Amino acid sequence: MKHADFTLTDDLIYLNHAAVAPWPKRTAAAVIAFAEQNSRYGSHFYLDWIKKEAELRQQLKVLINAPSVDDIALVKNTSEALSFVAYGLPWQEGDNIVSSNEEFPSNRLAWQSLANQGVEFRQADLSSSKTPEEALFALVDSHTRLLTISSIQFASGLRLDLERIGAFCKKYGILFCIDAIQSLGAVQFDVQAYNADFVMADGHKWMFGPEGLGLFYAKPEARDKLKLTQYGWHMMKDTHNYENLPWEVHPGARRFECGSSNTLGIHALSASLSLLLEVGMEIIESRVIERSDYLKAVISANQQLILLSNQKSQLKSGIVIFKHKSIANEILYQHLQQNGVVCAMRGGGIRFSPHFYNSLAEIERAVVLAAELDL
């Protein structure tokens, strides 16, 4: 039985929320309504669009427990926000950045590109110590300026103890940057509890939003350390005073928004977040973890499949990785796709990433489809 908020075709089992998620019905309706309004009235209702933008900032504030909407910028994607930090901080030759060897390219390339400034990018093997957090801490020294990590690793589903890392960074005066794209919309998230300086995420994964719109949280003291690398009318303090001479930079995180807003994306993401906040992130997280636990149990009980996900970690995510005992990943992936199971190849196997609305019955059916392949 399909969830009332989703209209996925009956022949699909959608287990790919760690990549690109489907839109809820209300999100599709919001986009259609906006398009129809624009085609009939143009920008006549522009003031309503500004109100919707303000509403989205408030929703994001609640989602991540930010102190203020002024701490949140609306950005194109995670990579853009990471670049704001990488090219905003005043680096000195000999500085280093600590991260892991499991990061998605977005959280590597921006930092590695600083090598020509004499900045070293250190990648911890998260399995090399008793805990992944200790593996990160082991690479820190007196020249470490920033620690940057994905809250949940995209290819393994490993979830980091962000509160512990944040406390460590605060103790030693190190900036703490979190790529939260695999957390927001799936599990509860609290920038204040984590002592996070910078947090960024796209909206198109667990948040059910469109591609091309994300958030960038910057703590006031931390954002004041960043020099601006883009300029335009939208980052002025008095945004709609077009004769603003001389002008001032916006005091909040909106200083990182140099041009016109992604108005269509804002309407879509706001509608998607309304569903998440309506259900409640505590309930959503419990359902996501319940489904990933069920997946692990069903996979472990199947003689044809091998569970690759770490079951020892106390912190759990919605990402589950497995492989077939005798079938190559590429063949298994094609088999699943052809039979309506939307998934991905990651972490040396097949990645299933169910959301709160997936039924246990369809999850079990997807595992049966994976195990039944026999060449």
Protein backbone atom coordinates (compact mmCIF):
# COMPACT_ATOMS: atom_id res chain seq x y z
CA MET A 1 0.00 0.00 0.00
CA LYS A 2 1.41 3.38 -1.02
CA HIS A 3 1.68 6.31 1.39
CA ALA A 4 -1.00 8.98 0.97
CA ASP A 5 1.58 11.75 0.46
CA PHE A 6 3.32 10.01 -2.44
CA THR A 7 2.08 9.08 -5.89
CA LEU A 8 4.88 6.82 -7.08
CA THR A 9 3.81 4.38 -9.74
CA ASP A 10 2.77 0.99 -8.36
CA ASP A 11 5.52 -0.89 -10.18
CA LEU A 12 8.32 0.97 -8.34
CA ILE A 13 9.94 0.35 -4.97
CA TYR A 14 11.84 3.56 -4.28
CA LEU A 15 14.93 2.99 -2.12
CA ASN A 16 17.20 5.75 -3.39
CA HIS A 17 16.60 8.73 -1.10
CA ALA A 18 20.33 9.04 -0.46
CA ALA A 19 20.64 10.07 -4.13
CA VAL A 20 17.57 11.93 -5.45
CA ALA A 21 14.17 11.62 -3.77
CA PRO A 22 10.71 11.73 -5.34
CA TRP A 23 8.50 14.72 -4.59
CA PRO A 24 5.48 14.46 -2.29
CA LYS A 25 2.11 15.30 -3.85
CA ARG A 26 2.02 18.69 -2.17
CA THR A 27 5.38 19.62 -3.72
CA ALA A 28 4.22 18.81 -7.23
CA ALA A 29 1.03 20.78 -6.55
CA ALA A 30 3.02 23.78 -5.32
CA VAL A 31 5.16 23.80 -8.47
CA ILE A 32 2.11 23.51 -10.74
CA ALA A 33 0.31 26.30 -8.87
CA PHE A 34 3.37 28.57 -9.08
CA ALA A 35 3.77 27.88 -12.80
CA GLU A 36 0.12 28.58 -13.49
CA GLN A 37 0.22 31.79 -11.45
CA ASN A 38 3.35 32.97 -13.25
CA SER A 39 1.95 32.18 -16.69
CA ARG A 40 -1.22 34.18 -15.94
CA TYR A 41 0.08 37.03 -13.80
CA GLY A 42 3.85 37.23 -14.25
CA SER A 43 5.43 38.82 -11.17
CA HIS A 44 2.23 40.50 -9.98
CA PHE A 45 2.36 38.42 -6.78
CA TYR A 46 6.09 38.99 -6.17
CA LEU A 47 5.48 40.11 -2.58
CA ASP A 48 3.88 36.71 -1.90
CA TRP A 49 7.01 35.07 -3.29
CA ILE A 50 9.11 37.04 -0.78
CA LYS A 51 6.82 35.79 2.01
CA LYS A 52 7.30 32.21 0.83
CA GLU A 53 11.08 32.72 0.89
CA ALA A 54 10.82 33.96 4.48
CA GLU A 55 8.66 30.95 5.34
CA LEU A 56 11.28 28.58 3.94
CA ARG A 57 14.02 30.19 6.03
CA GLN A 58 11.87 29.69 9.12
CA GLN A 59 11.27 26.03 8.22
CA LEU A 60 15.01 25.46 7.78
CA LYS A 61 15.69 27.20 11.08
CA VAL A 62 13.39 24.73 12.82
CA LEU A 63 14.80 21.73 10.92
CA ILE A 64 18.38 22.34 12.07
CA ASN A 65 17.60 24.23 15.31
CA ALA A 66 19.45 27.36 14.20
CA PRO A 67 19.33 30.31 16.62
CA SER A 68 18.03 32.65 13.91
CA VAL A 69 16.85 32.74 10.31
CA ASP A 70 19.66 35.25 9.78
CA ASP A 71 22.11 32.35 10.15
CA ILE A 72 20.75 30.62 7.02
CA ALA A 73 21.56 31.34 3.39
CA LEU A 74 19.75 29.78 0.45
CA VAL A 75 22.37 28.41 -1.95
CA LYS A 76 22.48 26.44 -5.18
CA ASN A 77 24.01 23.33 -3.64
CA THR A 78 26.38 21.86 -1.06
CA SER A 79 29.41 22.40 -3.27
CA GLU A 80 28.77 26.14 -3.52
CA ALA A 81 28.52 26.47 0.26
CA LEU A 82 31.68 24.42 0.82
CA SER A 83 33.47 26.69 -1.64
CA PHE A 84 32.30 29.76 0.30
CA VAL A 85 34.13 28.38 3.33
CA ALA A 86 37.20 27.10 1.48
CA TYR A 87 37.78 30.39 -0.35
CA GLY A 88 36.47 32.65 2.37
CA LEU A 89 38.86 31.73 5.16
CA PRO A 90 42.25 33.47 5.28
CA TRP A 91 44.63 30.53 5.06
CA GLN A 92 48.31 30.56 5.91
CA GLU A 93 50.93 28.27 4.45
CA GLY A 94 51.30 25.28 6.77
CA ASP A 95 47.64 25.19 7.82
CA ASN A 96 45.86 21.86 7.59
CA ILE A 97 42.29 20.60 7.29
CA VAL A 98 41.22 17.28 8.81
CA SER A 99 38.58 15.11 7.16
CA SER A 100 38.04 11.45 6.27
CA ASN A 101 38.83 9.06 3.43
CA GLU A 102 35.12 8.38 2.86
CA GLU A 103 33.93 11.81 1.76
CA PHE A 104 31.83 12.52 -1.31
CA PRO A 105 33.88 14.53 -3.85
CA SER A 106 32.12 17.79 -2.87
CA ASN A 107 33.71 17.59 0.56
CA ARG A 108 37.17 16.86 -0.85
CA LEU A 109 37.70 18.93 -3.97
CA ALA A 110 37.17 22.35 -2.39
CA TRP A 111 39.78 21.62 0.27
CA GLN A 112 42.25 19.84 -2.00
CA SER A 113 42.17 22.84 -4.32
CA LEU A 114 43.84 24.87 -1.55
CA ALA A 115 47.10 22.94 -1.94
CA ASN A 116 48.55 25.77 -4.03
CA GLN A 117 48.21 27.99 -0.93
CA GLY A 118 50.23 25.54 1.16
CA VAL A 119 47.17 24.08 2.91
CA GLU A 120 47.27 20.34 3.62
CA PHE A 121 44.13 18.19 3.39
CA ARG A 122 44.38 15.26 5.80
CA GLN A 123 42.11 12.23 5.30
CA ALA A 124 41.60 9.96 8.29
CA ASP A 125 40.89 6.27 7.83
CA LEU A 126 37.72 6.11 9.90
CA SER A 127 38.26 2.42 10.65
CA SER A 128 41.82 2.89 11.93
CA SER A 129 40.91 3.70 15.54
CA LYS A 130 38.51 2.47 18.19
CA THR A 131 35.95 4.98 16.95
CA PRO A 132 35.76 7.05 13.74
CA GLU A 133 35.85 10.21 15.85
CA GLU A 134 39.17 9.20 17.41
CA ALA A 135 40.56 8.54 13.93
CA LEU A 136 39.79 12.17 13.07
CA PHE A 137 41.21 13.53 16.31
CA ALA A 138 44.48 11.64 15.77
CA LEU A 139 45.26 13.78 12.71
CA VAL A 140 44.73 17.11 14.50
CA ASP A 141 47.71 19.21 15.50
CA SER A 142 48.48 22.84 16.34
CA HIS A 143 48.20 23.80 12.64
CA THR A 144 44.69 22.38 12.15
CA ARG A 145 42.34 25.24 11.23
CA LEU A 146 39.22 23.29 10.31
CA LEU A 147 37.68 19.84 10.65
CA THR A 148 35.17 18.99 7.91
CA ILE A 149 33.11 15.81 7.83
CA SER A 150 29.93 14.35 6.38
CA SER A 151 27.40 13.73 9.13
CA ILE A 152 26.55 10.41 7.48
CA GLN A 153 28.85 8.84 4.92
CA PHE A 154 27.17 8.42 1.52
CA ALA A 155 28.83 5.11 0.57
CA SER A 156 28.75 3.28 3.90
CA GLY A 157 25.96 4.86 5.92
CA LEU A 158 28.36 5.48 8.80
CA ARG A 159 26.92 8.14 11.11
CA LEU A 160 29.36 10.31 13.06
CA ASP A 161 28.97 11.53 16.63
CA LEU A 162 28.70 15.22 15.76
CA GLU A 163 28.22 16.34 19.35
CA ARG A 164 31.51 14.72 20.35
CA ILE A 165 33.36 16.16 17.36
CA GLY A 166 31.91 19.61 17.96
CA ALA A 167 32.98 19.57 21.62
CA PHE A 168 36.51 18.57 20.56
CA CYS A 169 36.71 21.35 17.98
CA LYS A 170 35.43 23.93 20.45
CA LYS A 171 37.98 22.82 23.07
CA TYR A 172 40.91 23.24 20.66
CA GLY A 173 39.68 26.30 18.76
CA ILE A 174 39.13 24.47 15.46
CA LEU A 175 36.37 25.43 13.03
CA PHE A 176 33.79 22.67 12.53
CA CYS A 177 32.17 22.21 9.10
CA ILE A 178 29.44 19.61 8.47
CA ASP A 179 28.18 18.29 5.13
CA ALA A 180 24.68 17.33 6.33
CA ILE A 181 23.16 16.21 3.03
CA GLN A 182 22.62 12.61 4.23
CA SER A 183 21.10 13.71 7.55
CA LEU A 184 18.65 16.53 6.95
CA GLY A 185 15.18 15.11 6.39
CA ALA A 186 16.20 11.64 7.62
CA VAL A 187 17.37 12.17 11.20
CA GLN A 188 17.18 14.91 13.79
CA PHE A 189 19.85 17.59 13.53
CA ASP A 190 20.90 20.33 15.95
CA VAL A 191 23.56 22.86 14.92
CA GLN A 192 23.68 24.27 18.44
CA ALA A 193 24.20 20.92 20.16
CA TYR A 194 26.98 20.16 17.67
CA ASN A 195 28.74 23.53 18.10
CA ALA A 196 28.78 23.67 14.31
CA ASP A 197 30.38 26.67 12.62
CA PHE A 198 29.24 25.77 9.10
CA VAL A 199 26.56 23.35 7.86
CA MET A 200 25.47 22.80 4.28
CA ALA A 201 23.10 20.49 2.41
CA ASP A 202 21.14 20.17 -0.83
CA GLY A 203 17.40 19.73 -0.60
CA HIS A 204 16.93 16.97 -3.18
CA LYS A 205 17.73 13.91 -1.07
CA TRP A 206 16.01 13.12 2.23
CA MET A 207 14.27 16.53 2.27
CA PHE A 208 12.22 15.62 -0.85
CA GLY A 209 13.09 18.91 -2.54
CA PRO A 210 14.19 19.87 -6.07
CA GLU A 211 17.77 19.87 -7.26
CA GLY A 212 19.38 23.30 -7.37
CA LEU A 213 18.46 24.61 -3.91
CA GLY A 214 20.12 24.03 -0.57
CA LEU A 215 21.00 25.67 2.71
CA PHE A 216 24.16 27.12 4.19
CA TYR A 217 24.22 27.68 7.95
CA ALA A 218 26.99 29.89 9.29
CA LYS A 219 27.37 30.75 12.96
CA PRO A 220 27.71 34.56 13.32
CA GLU A 221 31.27 34.48 14.68
CA ALA A 222 32.31 32.01 11.98
CA ARG A 223 30.70 33.77 9.03
CA ASP A 224 32.46 36.99 9.99
CA LYS A 225 35.74 35.14 9.32
CA LEU A 226 34.76 34.58 5.68
CA LYS A 227 35.67 37.09 3.02
CA LEU A 228 33.05 37.34 0.29
CA THR A 229 33.81 35.78 -3.08
CA GLN A 230 30.58 36.73 -4.93
CA TYR A 231 28.79 40.06 -5.18
CA GLY A 232 25.35 41.18 -6.29
CA TRP A 233 22.24 43.09 -5.32
CA HIS A 234 20.71 40.40 -3.12
CA MET A 235 23.55 40.43 -0.58
CA MET A 236 23.03 44.08 0.34
CA LYS A 237 21.68 45.01 3.77
CA ASP A 238 18.86 47.03 2.20
CA THR A 239 18.13 44.55 -0.56
CA HIS A 240 15.27 46.28 -2.32
CA ASN A 241 16.66 49.80 -2.21
CA TYR A 242 18.05 49.72 -5.73
CA GLU A 243 19.51 53.23 -5.41
CA ASN A 244 21.45 52.11 -2.37
CA LEU A 245 24.59 54.29 -2.47
CA PRO A 246 26.76 53.65 -0.57
CA TRP A 247 25.69 50.08 0.21
CA GLU A 248 26.36 47.72 3.13
CA VAL A 249 26.79 43.96 3.19
CA HIS A 250 23.86 42.11 4.74
CA PRO A 251 24.68 41.40 8.40
CA GLY A 252 23.30 37.85 8.23
CA ALA A 253 24.05 34.78 6.15
CA ARG A 254 22.16 36.29 3.22
CA ARG A 255 25.44 38.03 2.37
CA PHE A 256 26.27 34.76 0.56
CA GLU A 257 23.26 35.12 -1.77
CA CYS A 258 24.54 37.39 -4.50
CA GLY A 259 21.64 37.32 -6.96
CA SER A 260 17.98 36.55 -7.55
CA SER A 261 16.40 33.73 -5.58
CA ASN A 262 15.40 30.35 -7.02
CA THR A 263 11.73 31.20 -6.54
CA LEU A 264 10.33 28.04 -8.11
CA GLY A 265 12.70 25.89 -6.03
CA ILE A 266 11.73 27.81 -2.89
CA HIS A 267 8.05 27.01 -3.41
CA ALA A 268 8.90 23.35 -3.95
CA LEU A 269 11.27 22.90 -1.02
CA SER A 270 8.94 24.76 1.33
CA ALA A 271 6.12 22.38 0.43
CA SER A 272 8.36 19.35 1.01
CA LEU A 273 9.57 20.63 4.37
CA SER A 274 5.98 21.24 5.44
CA LEU A 275 5.47 17.46 5.24
CA LEU A 276 8.61 16.68 7.25
CA LEU A 277 7.77 19.19 9.96
CA GLU A 278 4.13 18.11 10.01
CA VAL A 279 5.08 14.49 10.67
CA GLY A 280 7.93 15.55 12.98
CA MET A 281 11.61 14.71 12.68
CA GLU A 282 11.60 12.56 15.82
CA ILE A 283 8.96 10.30 14.27
CA ILE A 284 10.64 10.37 10.85
CA GLU A 285 14.01 9.38 12.29
CA SER A 286 12.48 6.49 14.25
CA ARG A 287 10.75 5.21 11.10
CA VAL A 288 13.85 5.60 8.93
CA ILE A 289 15.95 3.66 11.48
CA GLU A 290 13.23 1.04 11.88
CA ARG A 291 13.29 0.44 8.14
CA SER A 292 17.07 0.30 7.90
CA ASP A 293 17.19 -2.12 10.87
CA TYR A 294 14.56 -4.29 9.18
CA LEU A 295 16.56 -4.23 5.95
CA LYS A 296 19.71 -5.34 7.77
CA ALA A 297 17.86 -8.17 9.50
CA VAL A 298 16.23 -9.46 6.30
CA ILE A 299 19.50 -9.24 4.36
CA SER A 300 21.47 -10.98 7.14
CA ALA A 301 18.93 -13.81 7.23
CA ASN A 302 19.22 -14.42 3.48
CA GLN A 303 21.81 -16.99 2.45
CA GLN A 304 22.39 -15.37 -0.95
CA LEU A 305 23.25 -11.90 0.35
CA ILE A 306 26.07 -10.35 2.38
CA LEU A 307 25.43 -7.32 4.56
CA LEU A 308 28.26 -4.79 4.25
CA SER A 309 26.87 -2.14 6.62
CA ASN A 310 28.53 -1.86 10.01
CA GLN A 311 26.13 -3.19 12.65
CA LYS A 312 28.30 -2.26 15.63
CA SER A 313 27.82 1.50 15.40
CA GLN A 314 25.44 2.89 18.04
CA LEU A 315 24.44 5.77 15.77
CA LYS A 316 22.30 4.57 12.89
CA SER A 317 21.37 5.99 9.49
CA GLY A 318 18.93 5.19 6.69
CA ILE A 319 21.65 3.81 4.39
CA VAL A 320 22.15 0.04 4.04
CA ILE A 321 24.86 -1.55 1.86
CA PHE A 322 24.91 -5.22 0.76
CA LYS A 323 26.05 -7.47 -2.05
CA HIS A 324 25.21 -10.86 -3.54
CA LYS A 325 27.44 -13.82 -2.69
CA SER A 326 27.95 -14.85 -6.31
CA ILE A 327 26.54 -12.12 -8.58
CA ALA A 328 28.53 -9.02 -9.56
CA ASN A 329 27.22 -5.70 -8.29
CA GLU A 330 26.68 -4.35 -11.82
CA ILE A 331 24.51 -7.31 -12.80
CA LEU A 332 22.55 -7.21 -9.55
CA TYR A 333 21.99 -3.47 -9.92
CA GLN A 334 20.64 -3.87 -13.46
CA HIS A 335 18.37 -6.69 -12.28
CA LEU A 336 16.92 -4.54 -9.50
CA GLN A 337 16.44 -1.52 -11.73
CA GLN A 338 14.72 -3.60 -14.40
CA ASN A 339 12.37 -4.97 -11.76
CA GLY A 340 11.40 -1.56 -10.41
CA VAL A 341 13.71 -1.27 -7.41
CA VAL A 342 15.28 2.20 -7.52
CA CYS A 343 18.65 2.03 -5.76
CA ALA A 344 22.36 2.78 -6.30
CA MET A 345 25.76 1.13 -6.46
CA ARG A 346 27.87 2.50 -3.62
CA GLY A 347 30.33 1.33 -1.01
CA GLY A 348 31.35 -1.85 -2.80
CA GLY A 349 27.78 -3.09 -3.11
CA ILE A 350 24.17 -2.09 -3.57
CA ARG A 351 22.85 0.85 -1.53
CA PHE A 352 19.25 0.83 -0.32
CA SER A 353 18.09 4.05 1.37
CA PRO A 354 14.42 3.83 2.43
CA HIS A 355 12.50 6.78 3.85
CA PHE A 356 9.79 6.94 6.50
CA TYR A 357 6.95 6.23 4.06
CA ASN A 358 8.35 2.99 2.63
CA SER A 359 6.44 -0.06 3.83
CA LEU A 360 8.21 -3.03 5.40
CA ALA A 361 6.48 -5.27 2.85
CA GLU A 362 8.01 -3.49 -0.15
CA ILE A 363 11.40 -3.46 1.55
CA GLU A 364 11.20 -7.23 2.01
CA ARG A 365 10.09 -7.60 -1.62
CA ALA A 366 13.17 -5.67 -2.78
CA VAL A 367 15.45 -8.01 -0.81
CA VAL A 368 13.70 -11.06 -2.28
CA LEU A 369 14.25 -9.64 -5.78
CA ALA A 370 17.94 -9.17 -4.99
CA ALA A 371 18.35 -12.71 -3.68
CA GLU A 372 16.38 -14.47 -6.43
CA LEU A 373 18.86 -13.61 -9.19
CA ASP A 374 20.63 -16.78 -10.27
CA LEU A 375 22.95 -16.95 -13.26
